Amino acid sequence: MPRQLVSLAQDTAIYGVSSILGRFLNWLLVPLYTHVLASPADYGQVTNLYAWTALMLVFLTYGMETGFFRFINKEDEPNPPRVYSTSMISVGSTSLLFAVLVALFSQPIANRLGYAPHSEYIWLLGFSVAIDAFASIPFAYLRYKKMPIRFATYKMLFVVLNILLNLWFFIVCPYLMRVAPSTVSWFYNPDYGVGYVFVANFLSTFIQTLFLLPYIIFVKWTFNKALLINILSYSLPLLMLGIAGIMNQILDKILFPFLLKGHYGDTQLGIYGATSKMALVMLMFTQAFRYAYEPFVFAQKREKNSLNSYSRAMTYFVIFSWLIFLALVFYIDIFKLFITREYWGGLKIVPVVLISFIFQGVYFNLSIWYKLTDRTMWGAWFALTGTVIIVAGNILLVPQFSYWGSVWSAFACYFVIMLLSYFVGLKYLSIPYDLRALGIYSALALLLYALSYLISTPYRELNLLIRTVLFAIFIAVVIKRDFPLSNIPVVNRFFKK
């Protein structure tokens, strides 16, 4: 494996361990919520409001992370600190304005979204997302400075705090209310329920940002208007791309309460939100890869064999994506034990959601052609096409098929924009992707998945054994084709080339 790809793999591993471990620990909150919240309808509210939060975060960062990497690596930009401080001032100013507006209009917003009795949900999440958006630039700076361990540590800090605070509000405080009410009754309200999810999130976000202060305060603050205009001219099309992209991920959860109203709609959304989290590991891997890949892409642009490096990176991404897919679908009978039976009916969507995430990850890999050639507007058009598919699919299918309509709409969305990006990209930056290898691994994974159902038995333990054998077959093919044991550090001492 080339030296550059080894470095990419190492950084992805560090980002990945923190991201996957962090999100896995956060995912463990899903079983907690399914047990402590009154009903799936309550979890539906959490799913809906966090979808809005994700959308607002894209608005408030408006593509500045990618713009930051693009301009701080430019050969004609001799002052990286100026790029950093200018980016931070821009995002900080808009985030502060957003927080003020949320504070002033939280009640009208709550009325509009159907949360009139709890306007504090709105400002708690609004303040959280404003802080998160501002922190995105210092976090990007850590990635630029090749400080993945520090980046991972601060990201994990949020996760640990969020888990501890959720356990405090949902386990410890109710227990203390029973045995020693005077210790917590002065601040804890047993009937507040879902609200404590958002309180924990706000406190965790605020404390995490405090640890970034050295990269905020001890900075040579300079602001260059001309530089900001250049960054924005590059980044604003990415805002359209980001909005459309995140809409493709969360729009179904925003539309759901309008398409299936009342308690039934909230319940279906709760089931959909909880079971689709089973596929979150795939999204974690894509995110970890993105953290390492974006700086890698721009740094490699000047290298002679950069296109071959991008091609190999795509192959490795697809290999590990299908490994994750098989691990989750083969052992879903174990994973489902983490959530209550009320949610099990939605588990059939997991394989389709996972494949949608693979399409999304491949699309992200393909997106480098318009980022490197400064044709980011293409990305916006692709994502907007996906949004049209998502909206039309949900409107047409959700009222009749519930969350299955959302699932297949997302599948179609990512499949279409993946193909569009590939074929249009051939015209502007022809990267020699190994389509044969990608096809072999995809066909093999789907074949093994189909076999696991064709030879299914009434015995769960036997089924797990059969699926383990099938999983081992995939791993064996990967080792044979692309990861010879003789090339793997430590292991290679036992194998002679």
Protein backbone atom coordinates (compact mmCIF):
# COMPACT_ATOMS: atom_id res chain seq x y z
CA MET A 1 0.00 0.00 0.00
CA PRO A 2 1.48 3.44 -0.94
CA ARG A 3 2.83 5.60 1.89
CA GLN A 4 0.11 8.24 1.39
CA LEU A 5 -2.64 5.65 1.69
CA VAL A 6 -1.01 4.21 4.80
CA SER A 7 -1.15 7.69 6.35
CA LEU A 8 -4.79 8.01 5.25
CA ALA A 9 -5.57 4.63 6.78
CA GLN A 10 -3.88 5.56 10.06
CA ASP A 11 -5.77 8.84 10.34
CA THR A 12 -9.03 7.15 9.35
CA ALA A 13 -8.40 4.54 12.03
CA ILE A 14 -7.92 7.20 14.71
CA TYR A 15 -10.91 9.22 13.56
CA GLY A 16 -12.79 5.98 13.07
CA VAL A 17 -12.13 4.57 16.52
CA SER A 18 -13.33 7.77 18.15
CA SER A 19 -16.24 8.21 15.75
CA ILE A 20 -17.39 4.59 15.79
CA LEU A 21 -16.82 4.13 19.51
CA GLY A 22 -18.39 7.48 20.24
CA ARG A 23 -21.43 6.90 18.10
CA PHE A 24 -21.75 3.35 19.37
CA LEU A 25 -21.80 4.64 22.94
CA ASN A 26 -24.29 7.29 21.86
CA TRP A 27 -26.28 4.58 20.10
CA LEU A 28 -26.57 2.83 23.46
CA LEU A 29 -28.77 5.76 24.45
CA VAL A 30 -31.36 4.41 21.99
CA PRO A 31 -32.08 1.34 24.15
CA LEU A 32 -32.14 3.65 27.17
CA TYR A 33 -34.71 5.91 25.52
CA THR A 34 -36.81 2.96 24.36
CA HIS A 35 -37.01 1.82 27.98
CA VAL A 36 -37.37 5.10 29.90
CA LEU A 37 -39.49 7.21 27.54
CA ALA A 38 -43.20 6.68 27.83
CA SER A 39 -43.74 5.40 24.27
CA PRO A 40 -42.24 5.28 20.74
CA ALA A 41 -44.14 8.54 20.14
CA ASP A 42 -41.81 10.31 22.60
CA TYR A 43 -38.79 8.99 20.74
CA GLY A 44 -40.45 10.24 17.58
CA GLN A 45 -40.24 13.77 19.00
CA VAL A 46 -36.53 13.33 19.69
CA THR A 47 -36.02 12.06 16.12
CA ASN A 48 -37.93 14.99 14.63
CA LEU A 49 -36.18 17.75 16.60
CA TYR A 50 -32.71 16.32 16.06
CA ALA A 51 -33.46 16.24 12.33
CA TRP A 52 -34.14 19.99 12.48
CA THR A 53 -30.91 20.45 14.43
CA ALA A 54 -28.87 18.64 11.77
CA LEU A 55 -30.37 20.87 9.08
CA MET A 56 -29.60 24.06 11.03
CA LEU A 57 -25.99 22.95 11.55
CA VAL A 58 -25.48 22.79 7.79
CA PHE A 59 -26.93 26.28 7.38
CA LEU A 60 -24.65 27.70 10.06
CA THR A 61 -21.43 26.14 8.72
CA TYR A 62 -22.33 26.96 5.06
CA GLY A 63 -19.53 24.87 3.56
CA MET A 64 -16.79 26.74 5.44
CA GLU A 65 -15.04 23.56 6.60
CA THR A 66 -14.29 22.50 3.03
CA GLY A 67 -13.54 26.10 2.07
CA PHE A 68 -11.08 26.30 4.95
CA PHE A 69 -9.21 23.22 3.70
CA ARG A 70 -9.27 24.46 0.11
CA PHE A 71 -7.74 27.87 0.88
CA ILE A 72 -5.37 26.93 3.69
CA ASN A 73 -3.71 24.48 1.27
CA LYS A 74 -3.54 26.91 -1.65
CA GLU A 75 -0.03 27.55 -2.92
CA ASP A 76 -0.72 31.27 -3.35
CA GLU A 77 -2.04 31.65 0.23
CA PRO A 78 1.07 32.40 2.33
CA ASN A 79 -0.75 33.02 5.60
CA PRO A 80 -2.63 29.97 6.98
CA PRO A 81 -3.44 31.72 10.33
CA ARG A 82 -5.28 34.39 8.34
CA VAL A 83 -7.45 31.74 6.67
CA TYR A 84 -8.19 30.18 10.05
CA SER A 85 -9.10 33.39 11.89
CA THR A 86 -11.12 34.78 8.97
CA SER A 87 -13.12 31.56 8.75
CA MET A 88 -13.68 31.50 12.51
CA ILE A 89 -14.84 35.12 12.64
CA SER A 90 -17.30 34.51 9.82
CA VAL A 91 -18.86 31.36 11.31
CA GLY A 92 -18.77 32.79 14.84
CA SER A 93 -20.65 35.94 13.80
CA THR A 94 -23.43 34.08 12.01
CA SER A 95 -23.73 31.57 14.86
CA LEU A 96 -24.11 34.36 17.41
CA LEU A 97 -26.79 36.03 15.29
CA PHE A 98 -28.65 32.72 15.00
CA ALA A 99 -28.56 32.18 18.77
CA VAL A 100 -30.01 35.66 19.38
CA LEU A 101 -32.83 35.08 16.87
CA VAL A 102 -33.68 31.70 18.42
CA ALA A 103 -33.84 33.28 21.88
CA LEU A 104 -36.20 35.99 20.61
CA PHE A 105 -38.51 33.76 18.56
CA SER A 106 -38.41 30.38 20.31
CA GLN A 107 -42.12 30.44 21.17
CA PRO A 108 -43.40 31.17 17.63
CA ILE A 109 -41.07 28.48 16.28
CA ALA A 110 -42.31 26.01 18.90
CA ASN A 111 -45.92 26.85 17.99
CA ARG A 112 -45.21 26.21 14.33
CA LEU A 113 -43.48 22.86 14.90
CA GLY A 114 -46.12 21.58 17.29
CA TYR A 115 -44.15 21.96 20.54
CA ALA A 116 -46.00 24.99 21.94
CA PRO A 117 -45.88 23.88 25.61
CA HIS A 118 -42.11 23.49 25.42
CA SER A 119 -40.49 26.46 23.72
CA GLU A 120 -37.36 25.74 25.79
CA TYR A 121 -36.76 22.70 23.55
CA ILE A 122 -36.20 25.16 20.72
CA TRP A 123 -33.72 27.45 22.43
CA LEU A 124 -31.84 24.57 24.03
CA LEU A 125 -31.30 22.96 20.63
CA GLY A 126 -30.78 26.36 18.96
CA PHE A 127 -27.98 27.32 21.35
CA SER A 128 -26.45 23.85 21.02
CA VAL A 129 -26.32 24.00 17.24
CA ALA A 130 -24.90 27.55 17.27
CA ILE A 131 -22.05 26.46 19.55
CA ASP A 132 -21.51 23.33 17.43
CA ALA A 133 -21.29 25.36 14.22
CA PHE A 134 -18.70 27.73 15.68
CA ALA A 135 -16.65 24.80 17.02
CA SER A 136 -16.54 23.20 13.56
CA ILE A 137 -13.72 25.56 12.48
CA PRO A 138 -11.40 24.83 15.45
CA PHE A 139 -12.09 21.14 14.88
CA ALA A 140 -11.20 21.59 11.18
CA TYR A 141 -7.98 23.30 12.31
CA LEU A 142 -7.06 20.24 14.39
CA ARG A 143 -7.52 18.09 11.30
CA TYR A 144 -5.38 20.47 9.22
CA LYS A 145 -2.61 20.35 11.84
CA LYS A 146 -2.68 16.53 11.75
CA MET A 147 -3.83 16.23 15.36
CA PRO A 148 -6.30 13.33 15.06
CA ILE A 149 -5.78 12.13 18.64
CA ARG A 150 -6.67 15.50 20.14
CA PHE A 151 -9.59 15.81 17.73
CA ALA A 152 -10.81 12.35 18.72
CA THR A 153 -10.38 13.09 22.44
CA TYR A 154 -12.53 16.21 22.32
CA LYS A 155 -15.18 14.45 20.25
CA MET A 156 -15.24 11.58 22.73
CA LEU A 157 -15.56 14.07 25.59
CA PHE A 158 -18.93 15.15 24.24
CA VAL A 159 -20.08 11.54 23.94
CA VAL A 160 -19.04 10.61 27.47
CA LEU A 161 -20.61 13.73 28.96
CA ASN A 162 -23.83 13.20 27.03
CA ILE A 163 -24.12 9.60 28.18
CA LEU A 164 -23.36 10.43 31.80
CA LEU A 165 -25.87 13.28 31.84
CA ASN A 166 -28.56 11.09 30.25
CA LEU A 167 -27.91 8.40 32.85
CA TRP A 168 -28.07 11.08 35.53
CA PHE A 169 -31.42 12.48 34.40
CA PHE A 170 -33.10 9.19 33.43
CA ILE A 171 -31.66 6.68 35.91
CA VAL A 172 -30.05 8.37 38.91
CA CYS A 173 -32.48 11.24 39.44
CA PRO A 174 -35.63 9.04 39.29
CA TYR A 175 -33.98 6.69 41.80
CA LEU A 176 -33.11 9.57 44.12
CA MET A 177 -36.66 10.90 43.82
CA ARG A 178 -37.85 7.60 45.25
CA VAL A 179 -35.33 7.16 48.07
CA ALA A 180 -34.19 10.73 48.91
CA PRO A 181 -36.38 13.24 47.05
CA SER A 182 -34.98 16.30 48.83
CA THR A 183 -31.59 15.79 47.13
CA VAL A 184 -32.90 16.42 43.60
CA SER A 185 -36.44 17.80 43.89
CA TRP A 186 -35.13 21.38 43.86
CA PHE A 187 -34.13 21.07 40.17
CA TYR A 188 -35.51 17.76 38.84
CA ASN A 189 -39.04 17.36 37.45
CA PRO A 190 -40.04 13.69 36.92
CA ASP A 191 -42.63 14.73 34.34
CA TYR A 192 -40.20 16.64 32.10
CA GLY A 193 -39.24 13.43 30.24
CA VAL A 194 -38.00 14.14 26.71
CA GLY A 195 -36.78 17.60 27.72
CA TYR A 196 -33.83 16.14 29.61
CA VAL A 197 -32.50 14.69 26.33
CA PHE A 198 -32.02 18.25 25.09
CA VAL A 199 -30.69 19.56 28.41
CA ALA A 200 -27.98 16.87 28.38
CA ASN A 201 -27.10 17.68 24.78
CA PHE A 202 -26.72 21.42 25.50
CA LEU A 203 -24.53 20.93 28.57
CA SER A 204 -22.29 18.42 26.76
CA THR A 205 -21.86 20.73 23.75
CA PHE A 206 -21.00 23.73 25.92
CA ILE A 207 -18.41 21.87 28.01
CA GLN A 208 -16.79 20.29 24.94
CA THR A 209 -16.31 23.75 23.39
CA LEU A 210 -14.55 24.99 26.53
CA PHE A 211 -11.73 22.54 25.76
CA LEU A 212 -11.27 24.19 22.35
CA LEU A 213 -10.59 27.60 23.92
CA PRO A 214 -6.78 27.39 23.45
CA TYR A 215 -7.41 27.19 19.69
CA ILE A 216 -9.85 30.09 19.86
CA ILE A 217 -8.26 32.55 22.30
CA PHE A 218 -4.57 32.06 21.55
CA VAL A 219 -4.89 32.83 17.86
CA LYS A 220 -3.41 35.63 15.83
CA TRP A 221 -6.72 37.26 15.01
CA THR A 222 -6.77 38.80 11.56
CA PHE A 223 -9.69 39.36 9.24
CA ASN A 224 -9.36 39.74 5.50
CA LYS A 225 -12.52 40.74 3.67
CA ALA A 226 -11.19 39.86 0.22
CA LEU A 227 -10.13 36.42 1.47
CA LEU A 228 -13.57 35.84 3.02
CA ILE A 229 -15.27 36.75 -0.25
CA ASN A 230 -13.08 34.22 -2.07
CA ILE A 231 -13.78 31.52 0.52
CA LEU A 232 -17.51 32.23 0.39
CA SER A 233 -17.57 32.15 -3.40
CA TYR A 234 -16.11 28.64 -3.14
CA SER A 235 -18.13 27.55 -0.10
CA LEU A 236 -21.62 28.89 -0.77
CA PRO A 237 -22.32 26.38 -3.54
CA LEU A 238 -21.26 23.81 -0.95
CA LEU A 239 -23.95 25.30 1.31
CA MET A 240 -26.52 24.33 -1.31
CA LEU A 241 -24.82 20.95 -1.54
CA GLY A 242 -24.78 20.60 2.25
CA ILE A 243 -28.41 21.62 2.65
CA ALA A 244 -29.55 19.28 -0.08
CA GLY A 245 -27.27 16.55 1.26
CA ILE A 246 -28.49 16.77 4.84
CA MET A 247 -32.05 17.15 3.61
CA ASN A 248 -31.58 13.83 1.85
CA GLN A 249 -30.64 12.32 5.22
CA ILE A 250 -33.20 13.93 7.51
CA LEU A 251 -36.00 15.38 5.39
CA ASP A 252 -38.12 12.27 5.83
CA LYS A 253 -37.97 12.75 9.61
CA ILE A 254 -38.99 16.40 9.21
CA LEU A 255 -41.84 15.62 6.81
CA PHE A 256 -43.12 12.60 8.73
CA PRO A 257 -45.29 14.48 11.28
CA PHE A 258 -46.96 16.34 8.42
CA LEU A 259 -47.60 13.19 6.36
CA LEU A 260 -48.68 10.91 9.21
CA LYS A 261 -50.26 13.08 11.87
CA GLY A 262 -50.91 12.60 15.56
CA HIS A 263 -49.85 9.88 17.93
CA TYR A 264 -49.73 7.23 15.18
CA GLY A 265 -47.32 9.33 13.12
CA ASP A 266 -45.08 10.00 16.13
CA THR A 267 -45.09 6.26 16.95
CA GLN A 268 -44.14 5.24 13.41
CA LEU A 269 -41.42 7.88 13.34
CA GLY A 270 -40.12 6.62 16.69
CA ILE A 271 -39.89 3.05 15.36
CA TYR A 272 -38.23 4.27 12.16
CA GLY A 273 -35.78 6.47 14.05
CA ALA A 274 -34.77 3.75 16.51
CA THR A 275 -34.39 0.87 14.02
CA SER A 276 -32.58 2.96 11.40
CA LYS A 277 -30.02 3.71 14.12
CA MET A 278 -29.05 0.04 13.79
CA ALA A 279 -27.43 1.05 10.50
CA LEU A 280 -25.58 3.95 12.09
CA VAL A 281 -22.26 2.09 12.11
CA MET A 282 -22.10 2.51 8.33
CA LEU A 283 -22.62 6.24 8.67
CA MET A 284 -19.94 6.35 11.40
CA PHE A 285 -17.44 4.72 9.05
CA THR A 286 -18.29 7.16 6.25
CA GLN A 287 -17.89 10.10 8.64
CA ALA A 288 -14.55 8.80 9.95
CA PHE A 289 -13.33 8.31 6.38
CA ARG A 290 -14.48 11.82 5.48
CA TYR A 291 -12.55 13.38 8.37
CA ALA A 292 -9.30 11.86 7.10
CA TYR A 293 -10.05 11.91 3.36
CA GLU A 294 -10.86 15.60 2.85
CA PRO A 295 -7.45 16.90 4.04
CA PHE A 296 -5.81 13.97 2.21
CA VAL A 297 -7.48 14.85 -1.11
CA PHE A 298 -6.35 18.47 -1.17
CA ALA A 299 -2.85 17.64 0.10
CA GLN A 300 -2.45 14.92 -2.57
CA LYS A 301 -3.59 17.14 -5.43
CA ARG A 302 0.00 18.07 -6.32
CA GLU A 303 1.28 14.47 -6.21
CA LYS A 304 2.08 12.68 -9.47
CA ASN A 305 0.03 9.55 -8.77
CA SER A 306 -2.83 11.25 -6.97
CA LEU A 307 -5.54 9.83 -9.25
CA ASN A 308 -4.40 6.27 -8.57
CA SER A 309 -4.41 7.02 -4.84
CA TYR A 310 -8.01 8.23 -5.07
CA SER A 311 -8.93 5.06 -6.95
CA ARG A 312 -7.40 2.75 -4.35
CA ALA A 313 -9.05 4.73 -1.56
CA MET A 314 -12.43 4.11 -3.21
CA THR A 315 -11.74 0.37 -3.42
CA TYR A 316 -10.79 0.15 0.24
CA PHE A 317 -13.83 2.20 1.23
CA VAL A 318 -16.19 -0.14 -0.62
CA ILE A 319 -14.52 -3.25 0.83
CA PHE A 320 -14.94 -2.07 4.41
CA SER A 321 -18.46 -0.80 3.74
CA TRP A 322 -19.58 -4.26 2.63
CA LEU A 323 -17.82 -5.81 5.64
CA ILE A 324 -19.86 -3.56 7.92
CA PHE A 325 -23.04 -4.39 5.97
CA LEU A 326 -22.54 -8.13 6.36
CA ALA A 327 -21.59 -7.88 10.04
CA LEU A 328 -24.79 -5.99 10.84
CA VAL A 329 -27.25 -8.02 8.78
CA PHE A 330 -25.74 -11.38 9.78
CA TYR A 331 -25.87 -10.62 13.51
CA ILE A 332 -29.00 -8.48 13.69
CA ASP A 333 -30.67 -11.11 15.90
CA ILE A 334 -28.13 -10.15 18.55
CA PHE A 335 -28.23 -6.39 18.01
CA LYS A 336 -32.02 -6.26 18.23
CA LEU A 337 -31.88 -7.37 21.87
CA PHE A 338 -30.69 -3.88 22.77
CA ILE A 339 -34.10 -2.35 22.02
CA THR A 340 -37.56 -3.22 23.30
CA ARG A 341 -39.92 -5.47 21.32
CA GLU A 342 -42.14 -2.51 20.45
CA TYR A 343 -39.52 -1.51 17.87
CA TRP A 344 -38.64 -4.90 16.36
CA GLY A 345 -41.19 -4.61 13.57
CA GLY A 346 -38.99 -1.99 11.92
CA LEU A 347 -35.82 -4.10 11.74
CA LYS A 348 -36.58 -5.27 8.20
CA ILE A 349 -35.57 -1.85 6.90
CA VAL A 350 -31.98 -2.17 8.15
CA PRO A 351 -30.43 -3.87 5.06
CA VAL A 352 -31.99 -1.30 2.71
CA VAL A 353 -30.84 1.60 4.93
CA LEU A 354 -27.32 0.15 5.01
CA ILE A 355 -27.11 -0.08 1.22
CA SER A 356 -28.38 3.51 0.98
CA PHE A 357 -25.52 4.55 3.28
CA ILE A 358 -23.04 2.70 1.04
CA PHE A 359 -24.36 4.63 -1.97
CA GLN A 360 -23.99 7.82 0.06
CA GLY A 361 -20.37 6.98 0.95
CA VAL A 362 -19.47 6.16 -2.65
CA TYR A 363 -21.07 9.44 -3.71
CA PHE A 364 -18.87 11.27 -1.19
CA ASN A 365 -15.78 9.59 -2.67
CA LEU A 366 -16.87 10.57 -6.16
CA SER A 367 -17.43 14.17 -5.08
CA ILE A 368 -13.71 14.93 -5.10
CA TRP A 369 -13.79 15.67 -8.82
CA TYR A 370 -15.91 18.80 -8.45
CA LYS A 371 -14.11 19.91 -5.30
CA LEU A 372 -10.66 19.62 -6.93
CA THR A 373 -11.77 21.33 -10.15
CA ASP A 374 -13.66 24.09 -8.28
CA ARG A 375 -16.95 23.04 -9.91
CA THR A 376 -18.79 22.71 -6.61
CA MET A 377 -22.01 23.88 -8.21
CA TRP A 378 -22.32 20.40 -9.72
CA GLY A 379 -22.46 18.95 -6.24
CA ALA A 380 -25.30 21.29 -5.42
CA TRP A 381 -27.24 20.20 -8.51
CA PHE A 382 -26.73 16.52 -7.71
CA ALA A 383 -27.87 16.98 -4.13
CA LEU A 384 -30.89 19.04 -5.19
CA THR A 385 -31.84 16.25 -7.58
CA GLY A 386 -31.68 13.88 -4.64
CA THR A 387 -33.84 16.21 -2.57
CA VAL A 388 -36.53 16.23 -5.26
CA ILE A 389 -36.52 12.42 -5.21
CA ILE A 390 -36.72 12.37 -1.39
CA VAL A 391 -39.60 14.87 -1.23
CA ALA A 392 -41.61 13.28 -4.03
CA GLY A 393 -41.02 9.77 -2.71
CA ASN A 394 -42.04 10.64 0.84
CA ILE A 395 -45.14 12.57 -0.21
CA LEU A 396 -46.28 9.75 -2.49
CA LEU A 397 -45.30 6.74 -0.38
CA VAL A 398 -45.31 7.59 3.33
CA PRO A 399 -49.10 8.07 3.71
CA GLN A 400 -49.63 4.57 2.31
CA PHE A 401 -46.48 2.64 3.37
CA SER A 402 -45.34 4.57 6.47
CA TYR A 403 -41.56 4.53 7.03
CA TRP A 404 -40.99 2.07 4.18
CA GLY A 405 -41.80 4.98 1.89
CA SER A 406 -38.99 6.98 3.48
CA VAL A 407 -36.56 4.08 3.25
CA TRP A 408 -37.06 3.43 -0.47
CA SER A 409 -37.06 7.16 -1.26
CA ALA A 410 -33.61 7.48 0.35
CA PHE A 411 -32.39 4.39 -1.51
CA ALA A 412 -33.48 5.86 -4.86
CA CYS A 413 -32.02 9.26 -3.98
CA TYR A 414 -28.50 8.05 -3.24
CA PHE A 415 -28.46 5.56 -6.08
CA VAL A 416 -29.36 8.23 -8.64
CA ILE A 417 -26.97 10.94 -7.42
CA MET A 418 -24.14 8.39 -7.15
CA LEU A 419 -24.57 7.48 -10.82
CA LEU A 420 -24.94 11.12 -11.89
CA SER A 421 -21.75 12.13 -10.10
CA TYR A 422 -19.78 9.27 -11.63
CA PHE A 423 -20.82 9.84 -15.24
CA VAL A 424 -20.57 13.64 -15.15
CA GLY A 425 -17.22 13.42 -13.37
CA LEU A 426 -15.74 11.44 -16.27
CA LYS A 427 -15.84 14.62 -18.32
CA TYR A 428 -13.90 16.82 -15.88
CA LEU A 429 -11.57 14.53 -13.89
CA SER A 430 -11.34 10.94 -15.05
CA ILE A 431 -10.21 8.89 -12.05
CA PRO A 432 -9.39 5.27 -12.96
CA TYR A 433 -11.64 3.55 -10.42
CA ASP A 434 -11.31 -0.24 -10.36
CA LEU A 435 -14.90 -0.94 -11.40
CA ARG A 436 -14.20 -4.66 -11.71
CA ALA A 437 -13.11 -4.93 -8.07
CA LEU A 438 -16.00 -2.77 -6.90
CA GLY A 439 -18.44 -4.96 -8.80
CA ILE A 440 -16.93 -8.21 -7.50
CA TYR A 441 -17.11 -7.17 -3.86
CA SER A 442 -20.64 -5.76 -4.21
CA ALA A 443 -21.95 -8.85 -6.00
CA LEU A 444 -20.26 -11.18 -3.49
CA ALA A 445 -21.67 -9.36 -0.47
CA LEU A 446 -25.21 -9.38 -1.88
CA LEU A 447 -24.89 -13.05 -2.86
CA LEU A 448 -23.76 -14.02 0.66
CA TYR A 449 -26.60 -11.96 2.13
CA ALA A 450 -29.13 -13.76 -0.10
CA LEU A 451 -27.64 -17.15 0.82
CA SER A 452 -28.02 -16.38 4.53
CA TYR A 453 -31.79 -16.26 4.01
CA LEU A 454 -32.07 -19.11 1.53
CA ILE A 455 -30.42 -21.53 3.98
CA SER A 456 -32.07 -20.13 7.10
CA THR A 457 -33.16 -22.65 9.77
CA PRO A 458 -35.58 -22.48 12.74
CA TYR A 459 -32.58 -22.44 15.11
CA ARG A 460 -31.03 -19.07 15.89
CA GLU A 461 -27.66 -20.48 17.01
CA LEU A 462 -27.30 -22.54 13.82
CA ASN A 463 -28.24 -19.52 11.71
CA LEU A 464 -25.53 -17.48 13.44
CA LEU A 465 -22.98 -20.23 12.74
CA ILE A 466 -23.95 -20.37 9.05
CA ARG A 467 -23.75 -16.58 8.75
CA THR A 468 -20.36 -16.58 10.46
CA VAL A 469 -19.07 -19.01 7.82
CA LEU A 470 -20.46 -16.77 5.06
CA PHE A 471 -18.84 -13.74 6.70
CA ALA A 472 -15.53 -15.60 6.82
CA ILE A 473 -15.81 -16.33 3.08
CA PHE A 474 -16.04 -12.61 2.33
CA ILE A 475 -13.04 -11.87 4.56
CA ALA A 476 -11.06 -14.64 2.87
CA VAL A 477 -11.72 -13.16 -0.57
CA VAL A 478 -10.68 -9.70 0.66
CA ILE A 479 -7.42 -11.08 2.07
CA LYS A 480 -6.74 -13.03 -1.12
CA ARG A 481 -7.38 -10.11 -3.49
CA ASP A 482 -6.39 -6.91 -1.69
CA PHE A 483 -5.01 -7.52 1.79
CA PRO A 484 -2.42 -10.31 1.68
CA LEU A 485 -1.44 -11.29 5.21
CA SER A 486 2.22 -10.88 4.22
CA ASN A 487 1.62 -7.13 3.78
CA ILE A 488 -0.06 -6.51 7.14
CA PRO A 489 2.24 -5.15 9.87
CA VAL A 490 2.95 -7.52 12.80
CA VAL A 491 1.07 -10.35 11.06
CA ASN A 492 3.55 -10.30 8.16
CA ARG A 493 6.34 -11.74 10.30
CA PHE A 494 4.55 -15.09 10.10
CA PHE A 495 4.24 -14.99 6.31
CA LYS A 496 7.05 -14.92 3.79
CA LYS A 497 6.50 -13.17 0.49
